[in-house]
C-alpha atoms as a PDB file:
ATOM      1  CA  MET A   1      17.014  -8.754  43.127  1.00  0.00           C
ATOM      2  CA  TYR A   2      16.230 -10.147  39.170  1.00  0.00           C
ATOM      3  CA  GLU A   3      17.844 -11.815  36.794  1.00  0.00           C
ATOM      4  CA  ASP A   4      19.399 -10.963  33.612  1.00  0.00           C
ATOM      5  CA  ASN A   5      17.963 -13.534  31.213  1.00  0.00           C
ATOM      6  CA  SER A   6      18.915 -11.556  27.804  1.00  0.00           C
ATOM      7  CA  PRO A   7      21.422 -13.434  25.564  1.00  0.00           C
ATOM      8  CA  SER A   8      25.146 -12.140  26.159  1.00  0.00           C
ATOM      9  CA  VAL A   9      27.241 -11.044  23.646  1.00  0.00           C
ATOM     10  CA  GLY A  10      28.108 -14.003  22.374  1.00  0.00           C
ATOM     11  CA  ASP A  11      25.257 -16.335  22.888  1.00  0.00           C
ATOM     12  CA  GLN A  12      22.409 -13.535  20.466  1.00  0.00           C
ATOM     13  CA  ASP A  13      21.353 -15.254  17.608  1.00  0.00           C
ATOM     14  CA  HIS A  14      22.504 -12.943  14.863  1.00  0.00           C
ATOM     15  CA  SER A  15      20.049 -15.039  11.759  1.00  0.00           C
ATOM     16  CA  THR A  16      17.342 -12.682  12.177  1.00  0.00           C
ATOM     17  CA  SER A  17      14.989 -12.792   8.757  1.00  0.00           C
ATOM     18  CA  SER A  18      13.996  -9.648   6.870  1.00  0.00           C
ATOM     19  CA  ASN A  19      10.384 -11.083   7.845  1.00  0.00           C
ATOM     20  CA  ASP A  20      11.425 -10.638  11.375  1.00  0.00           C
ATOM     21  CA  GLN A  21      12.029  -7.481  10.909  1.00  0.00           C
ATOM     22  CA  LEU A  22       9.480  -6.166   8.772  1.00  0.00           C
ATOM     23  CA  GLU A  23       6.661  -7.473  11.457  1.00  0.00           C
ATOM     24  CA  ASP A  24       8.434  -5.395  13.627  1.00  0.00           C
ATOM     25  CA  VAL A  25       7.458  -2.397  11.306  1.00  0.00           C
ATOM     26  CA  HIS A  26       3.597  -4.037  11.089  1.00  0.00           C
ATOM     27  CA  ASN A  27       3.721  -3.834  14.807  1.00  0.00           C
ATOM     28  CA  ASP A  28       4.342  -0.378  15.048  1.00  0.00           C
ATOM     29  CA  ALA A  29       2.506   0.769  12.041  1.00  0.00           C
ATOM     30  CA  ASP A  30      -0.774  -0.719  14.273  1.00  0.00           C
ATOM     31  CA  ASP A  31       0.658   1.073  17.514  1.00  0.00           C
ATOM     32  CA  ILE A  32       0.051   4.135  15.002  1.00  0.00           C
ATOM     33  CA  THR A  33      -3.324   2.929  13.732  1.00  0.00           C
ATOM     34  CA  ARG A  34      -4.036   3.095  17.682  1.00  0.00           C
ATOM     35  CA  ALA A  35      -2.894   6.330  18.259  1.00  0.00           C
ATOM     36  CA  PRO A  36      -6.629   7.858  17.183  1.00  0.00           C
ATOM     37  CA  LEU A  37      -8.148   5.740  20.528  1.00  0.00           C
ATOM     38  CA  ILE A  38      -5.737   7.474  22.825  1.00  0.00           C
ATOM     39  CA  VAL A  39      -6.184  11.186  21.466  1.00  0.00           C
ATOM     40  CA  GLU A  40     -10.228   9.874  22.523  1.00  0.00           C
ATOM     41  CA  THR A  41      -9.554   9.443  26.206  1.00  0.00           C
ATOM     42  CA  LEU A  42      -7.738  13.152  26.375  1.00  0.00           C
ATOM     43  CA  ILE A  43     -11.139  15.056  25.647  1.00  0.00           C
ATOM     44  CA  ASP A  44     -11.653  17.656  28.506  1.00  0.00           C
ATOM     45  CA  SER A  45     -14.869  18.033  29.610  1.00  0.00           C
ATOM     46  CA  ASP A  46     -16.305  20.735  27.675  1.00  0.00           C
ATOM     47  CA  GLY A  47     -15.050  19.374  25.025  1.00  0.00           C
ATOM     48  CA  SER A  48     -11.623  20.416  23.917  1.00  0.00           C
ATOM     49  CA  LEU A  49      -8.418  18.643  23.398  1.00  0.00           C
ATOM     50  CA  LEU A  50      -5.902  18.244  26.317  1.00  0.00           C
ATOM     51  CA  ILE A  51      -2.411  17.491  23.987  1.00  0.00           C
ATOM     52  CA  GLN A  52      -2.202  19.981  21.068  1.00  0.00           C
ATOM     53  CA  PRO A  53       0.050  19.913  18.284  1.00  0.00           C
ATOM     54  CA  PHE A  54       3.177  19.439  19.904  1.00  0.00           C
ATOM     55  CA  ALA A  55       1.813  15.827  21.875  1.00  0.00           C
ATOM     56  CA  GLN A  56      -0.246  15.063  18.430  1.00  0.00           C
ATOM     57  CA  ARG A  57       2.449  14.920  16.290  1.00  0.00           C
ATOM     58  CA  TYR A  58       4.715  12.787  18.640  1.00  0.00           C
ATOM     59  CA  LEU A  59       1.490  10.776  18.986  1.00  0.00           C
ATOM     60  CA  ALA A  60       0.712  10.350  15.248  1.00  0.00           C
ATOM     61  CA  LYS A  61       4.325   9.822  14.333  1.00  0.00           C
ATOM     62  CA  THR A  62       5.012   7.097  17.669  1.00  0.00           C
ATOM     63  CA  GLY A  63       2.069   5.932  18.368  1.00  0.00           C
ATOM     64  CA  LYS A  64       2.976   6.474  21.892  1.00  0.00           C
ATOM     65  CA  SER A  65       1.592   9.763  24.189  1.00  0.00           C
ATOM     66  CA  ASN A  66       4.364  11.222  26.116  1.00  0.00           C
ATOM     67  CA  PRO A  67       3.360  13.264  29.025  1.00  0.00           C
ATOM     68  CA  CYS A  68       6.472  15.779  28.860  1.00  0.00           C
ATOM     69  CA  ALA A  69       4.938  17.358  25.811  1.00  0.00           C
ATOM     70  CA  GLU A  70       1.067  16.603  27.215  1.00  0.00           C
ATOM     71  CA  ARG A  71       1.966  18.782  30.453  1.00  0.00           C
ATOM     72  CA  GLU A  72       3.287  21.770  27.905  1.00  0.00           C
ATOM     73  CA  ASP A  73       0.782  21.949  25.523  1.00  0.00           C
ATOM     74  CA  TRP A  74      -1.985  21.769  28.979  1.00  0.00           C
ATOM     75  CA  LEU A  75       0.405  24.549  30.707  1.00  0.00           C
ATOM     76  CA  TYR A  76       0.206  26.963  27.072  1.00  0.00           C
ATOM     77  CA  ASN A  77      -3.611  26.053  26.821  1.00  0.00           C
ATOM     78  CA  ARG A  78      -5.025  26.628  30.553  1.00  0.00           C
ATOM     79  CA  SER A  79      -2.013  29.901  31.288  1.00  0.00           C
ATOM     80  CA  PRO A  80      -2.877  32.822  31.803  1.00  0.00           C
ATOM     81  CA  ALA A  81      -2.407  35.881  29.021  1.00  0.00           C
ATOM     82  CA  THR A  82       0.634  37.234  31.847  1.00  0.00           C
ATOM     83  CA  ALA A  83       2.274  34.203  31.167  1.00  0.00           C
ATOM     84  CA  VAL A  84       4.649  34.672  28.671  1.00  0.00           C
ATOM     85  CA  ASP A  85       7.734  33.812  27.286  1.00  0.00           C
ATOM     86  CA  LEU A  86      10.842  36.765  28.969  1.00  0.00           C
ATOM     87  CA  GLN A  87      13.646  35.183  27.110  1.00  0.00           C
ATOM     88  CA  LYS A  88      13.661  37.999  24.945  1.00  0.00           C
ATOM     89  CA  TYR A  89      13.084  40.229  27.834  1.00  0.00           C
ATOM     90  CA  ARG A  90      16.381  38.887  29.742  1.00  0.00           C
ATOM     91  CA  LYS A  91      18.890  39.115  26.384  1.00  0.00           C
ATOM     92  CA  HIS A  92      17.564  43.184  26.557  1.00  0.00           C
ATOM     93  CA  LEU A  93      17.820  43.479  30.514  1.00  0.00           C
ATOM     94  CA  ILE A  94      21.676  41.745  30.837  1.00  0.00           C
ATOM     95  CA  LYS A  95      22.266  43.783  27.454  1.00  0.00           C
ATOM     96  CA  THR A  96      21.244  46.950  28.397  1.00  0.00           C
ATOM     97  CA  GLY A  97      23.495  46.303  32.537  1.00  0.00           C
ATOM     98  CA  VAL A  98      20.567  46.002  34.823  1.00  0.00           C
ATOM     99  CA  LEU A  99      21.010  42.400  35.164  1.00  0.00           C
ATOM    100  CA  LYS A 100      24.563  41.900  36.587  1.00  0.00           C
ATOM    101  CA  ARG A 101      27.169  39.004  36.976  1.00  0.00           C
ATOM    102  CA  ASN A 102      27.678  38.270  41.498  1.00  0.00           C
ATOM    103  CA  ALA A 103      30.799  37.749  43.297  1.00  0.00           C
ATOM    104  CA  HIS A 104      30.383  33.853  41.910  1.00  0.00           C
ATOM    105  CA  GLY A 105      30.861  35.350  38.282  1.00  0.00           C
ATOM    106  CA  THR A 106      26.820  33.748  37.699  1.00  0.00           C
ATOM    107  CA  LEU A 107      24.029  35.732  36.465  1.00  0.00           C
ATOM    108  CA  ASP A 108      21.732  36.473  39.099  1.00  0.00           C
ATOM    109  CA  ASP A 109      18.348  37.287  37.667  1.00  0.00           C
ATOM    110  CA  LEU A 110      16.880  37.705  41.295  1.00  0.00           C
ATOM    111  CA  LYS A 111      13.566  36.580  39.508  1.00  0.00           C
ATOM    112  CA  VAL A 112      11.402  33.456  40.622  1.00  0.00           C
ATOM    113  CA  ASN A 113      12.670  30.309  38.393  1.00  0.00           C
ATOM    114  CA  PRO A 114       9.446  28.895  36.337  1.00  0.00           C
ATOM    115  CA  GLU A 115       9.878  25.450  37.178  1.00  0.00           C
ATOM    116  CA  ARG A 116       9.027  26.564  40.664  1.00  0.00           C
ATOM    117  CA  TYR A 117       5.578  26.977  40.082  1.00  0.00           C
ATOM    118  CA  ASN A 118       5.934  23.466  37.761  1.00  0.00           C
ATOM    119  CA  SER A 119       5.909  25.460  34.486  1.00  0.00           C
ATOM    120  CA  THR A 120       8.416  26.599  31.637  1.00  0.00           C
ATOM    121  CA  LEU A 121      10.298  29.215  30.159  1.00  0.00           C
ATOM    122  CA  HIS A 122       7.188  30.207  27.540  1.00  0.00           C
ATOM    123  CA  GLN A 123       5.200  30.521  30.092  1.00  0.00           C
ATOM    124  CA  ASP A 124       7.224  32.051  32.802  1.00  0.00           C
ATOM    125  CA  LEU A 125       5.055  34.953  35.005  1.00  0.00           C
ATOM    126  CA  GLY A 126       8.377  37.101  35.694  1.00  0.00           C
ATOM    127  CA  LEU A 127       7.556  37.130  39.413  1.00  0.00           C
ATOM    128  CA  CYS A 128      10.315  39.249  41.516  1.00  0.00           C
ATOM    129  CA  PHE A 129      12.218  36.507  43.317  1.00  0.00           C
ATOM    130  CA  ASN A 130      12.522  38.734  46.870  1.00  0.00           C
ATOM    131  CA  THR A 131       8.729  39.538  46.666  1.00  0.00           C
ATOM    132  CA  PHE A 132       7.288  36.616  45.992  1.00  0.00           C
ATOM    133  CA  CYS A 133       9.648  34.004  48.157  1.00  0.00           C
ATOM    134  CA  THR A 134      11.011  35.546  50.944  1.00  0.00           C
ATOM    135  CA  PRO A 135       9.843  37.961  53.994  1.00  0.00           C
ATOM    136  CA  TYR A 136      12.041  40.655  52.955  1.00  0.00           C
ATOM    137  CA  SER A 137      11.380  43.449  50.853  1.00  0.00           C
ATOM    138  CA  CYS A 138      13.491  43.360  47.108  1.00  0.00           C
ATOM    139  CA  ARG A 139      16.625  44.917  47.671  1.00  0.00           C
ATOM    140  CA  GLN A 140      16.650  46.525  44.007  1.00  0.00           C
ATOM    141  CA  LYS A 141      16.016  50.187  42.978  1.00  0.00           C
ATOM    142  CA  CYS A 142      14.101  50.344  39.946  1.00  0.00           C
ATOM    143  CA  CYS A 143      12.774  46.221  40.358  1.00  0.00           C
ATOM    144  CA  PRO A 144      12.902  44.600  36.450  1.00  0.00           C
ATOM    145  CA  TRP A 145      10.362  41.481  37.242  1.00  0.00           C
ATOM    146  CA  ARG A 146       6.615  41.692  38.710  1.00  0.00           C
ATOM    147  CA  HIS A 147       5.498  43.129  42.165  1.00  0.00           C
ATOM    148  CA  ASP A 148       1.416  42.831  41.380  1.00  0.00           C
ATOM    149  CA  LYS A 149       0.167  40.721  43.507  1.00  0.00           C
ATOM    150  CA  LEU A 150      -1.610  37.415  41.463  1.00  0.00           C
ATOM    151  CA  ASN A 151      -4.687  37.576  39.981  1.00  0.00           C
ATOM    152  CA  GLU A 152      -7.758  35.084  40.743  1.00  0.00           C
ATOM    153  CA  GLU A 153      -7.068  33.309  36.563  1.00  0.00           C
ATOM    154  CA  GLU A 154      -2.596  33.472  38.168  1.00  0.00           C
ATOM    155  CA  VAL A 155      -3.854  31.882  40.869  1.00  0.00           C
ATOM    156  CA  GLY A 156      -5.859  29.756  40.308  1.00  0.00           C
ATOM    157  CA  TRP A 157      -3.166  28.162  37.163  1.00  0.00           C
ATOM    158  CA  LEU A 158      -1.052  28.161  39.787  1.00  0.00           C
ATOM    159  CA  LEU A 159      -3.134  25.648  42.379  1.00  0.00           C
ATOM    160  CA  ALA A 160      -3.786  23.536  39.517  1.00  0.00           C
ATOM    161  CA  SER A 161       0.079  23.266  38.609  1.00  0.00           C
ATOM    162  CA  GLY A 162       2.139  24.789  41.360  1.00  0.00           C
ATOM    163  CA  THR A 163       0.270  24.435  44.702  1.00  0.00           C
ATOM    164  CA  GLU A 164       2.796  24.996  47.324  1.00  0.00           C
ATOM    165  CA  PHE A 165       4.286  28.133  44.990  1.00  0.00           C
ATOM    166  CA  VAL A 166       0.585  30.363  45.749  1.00  0.00           C
ATOM    167  CA  GLN A 167       0.826  28.968  49.402  1.00  0.00           C
ATOM    168  CA  LYS A 168       4.432  30.129  49.885  1.00  0.00           C
ATOM    169  CA  ALA A 169       3.509  33.295  47.574  1.00  0.00           C
ATOM    170  CA  GLU A 170       0.761  34.545  49.469  1.00  0.00           C
ATOM    171  CA  VAL A 171       2.245  34.276  53.753  1.00  0.00           C
ATOM    172  CA  PHE A 172       5.488  36.175  51.930  1.00  0.00           C
ATOM    173  CA  TRP A 173       4.096  39.297  49.283  1.00  0.00           C
ATOM    174  CA  SER A 174       3.095  41.269  51.778  1.00  0.00           C
ATOM    175  CA  ARG A 175       6.516  41.049  54.799  1.00  0.00           C
ATOM    176  CA  PRO A 176       8.025  43.192  55.708  1.00  0.00           C
ATOM    177  CA  CYS A 177       5.745  45.264  54.588  1.00  0.00           C
ATOM    178  CA  GLU A 178       3.731  45.291  50.984  1.00  0.00           C
ATOM    179  CA  PRO A 179       6.227  46.181  47.880  1.00  0.00           C
ATOM    180  CA  VAL A 180       5.614  49.225  45.634  1.00  0.00           C
ATOM    181  CA  LYS A 181       3.865  48.434  42.700  1.00  0.00           C
ATOM    182  CA  VAL A 182       5.733  50.476  40.065  1.00  0.00           C
ATOM    183  CA  THR A 183       8.335  48.233  39.139  1.00  0.00           C
ATOM    184  CA  GLY A 184      10.270  48.629  36.113  1.00  0.00           C
ATOM    185  CA  PHE A 185       8.332  44.810  34.488  1.00  0.00           C
ATOM    186  CA  ARG A 186       7.502  45.421  31.357  1.00  0.00           C
ATOM    187  CA  LEU A 187       5.130  43.000  29.695  1.00  0.00           C
ATOM    188  CA  GLU A 188       4.921  43.933  26.631  1.00  0.00           C
ATOM    189  CA  TYR A 189       8.719  42.255  25.744  1.00  0.00           C
ATOM    190  CA  GLY A 190       6.857  38.686  27.037  1.00  0.00           C
ATOM    191  CA  GLU A 191       5.883  36.577  23.589  1.00  0.00           C
ATOM    192  CA  LYS A 192       2.758  34.952  23.687  1.00  0.00           C
ATOM    193  CA  HIS A 193       3.319  31.682  21.987  1.00  0.00           C
ATOM    194  CA  PRO A 194       2.565  28.068  21.230  1.00  0.00           C
ATOM    195  CA  CYS A 195       5.144  26.055  23.039  1.00  0.00           C
ATOM    196  CA  HIS A 196       7.367  24.796  20.894  1.00  0.00           C
ATOM    197  CA  LEU A 197       7.796  27.358  18.473  1.00  0.00           C
ATOM    198  CA  LEU A 198       5.308  25.347  16.340  1.00  0.00           C
END
């Protein structure tokens, strides 16, 4: 256990001068001037930056690196063309009645959540849950999600961020039999855009 040496409310000295406050501002400014040094350390072997606009803006504003922003930018830069934002497509499916609520009242879209393979909603592959995550056949007549096997580019991207998912998808994809590849999945509804709508 550690000791809490911070002053209690009654012990605090409220006589901080404006010089102390200015010194804090100058220290923050020094951190921001060091930001380019941090950026230079995040250059890939091919010379491209590993972080892109959102992370760069955060870095310039705060002088600190943001791991979440860097991960989003890394995912976006290395994502295959098939990893797109499918939120409008999902809303379209709800509006047209293709996706329905289950007995508990929750919307069961039967799609693999991109968090399962360490991605985000902006880089969604639109994979059918039953086809890629269970040993069972897809139970929908015309599934709105993707049944096609993962291609090499997608596998490479997923291995970089979601190794466990790729291993399960390889095992389950062909069980109990190879899935019907003709589905209602429409990639054209997806949007490929920079993270955080820059």
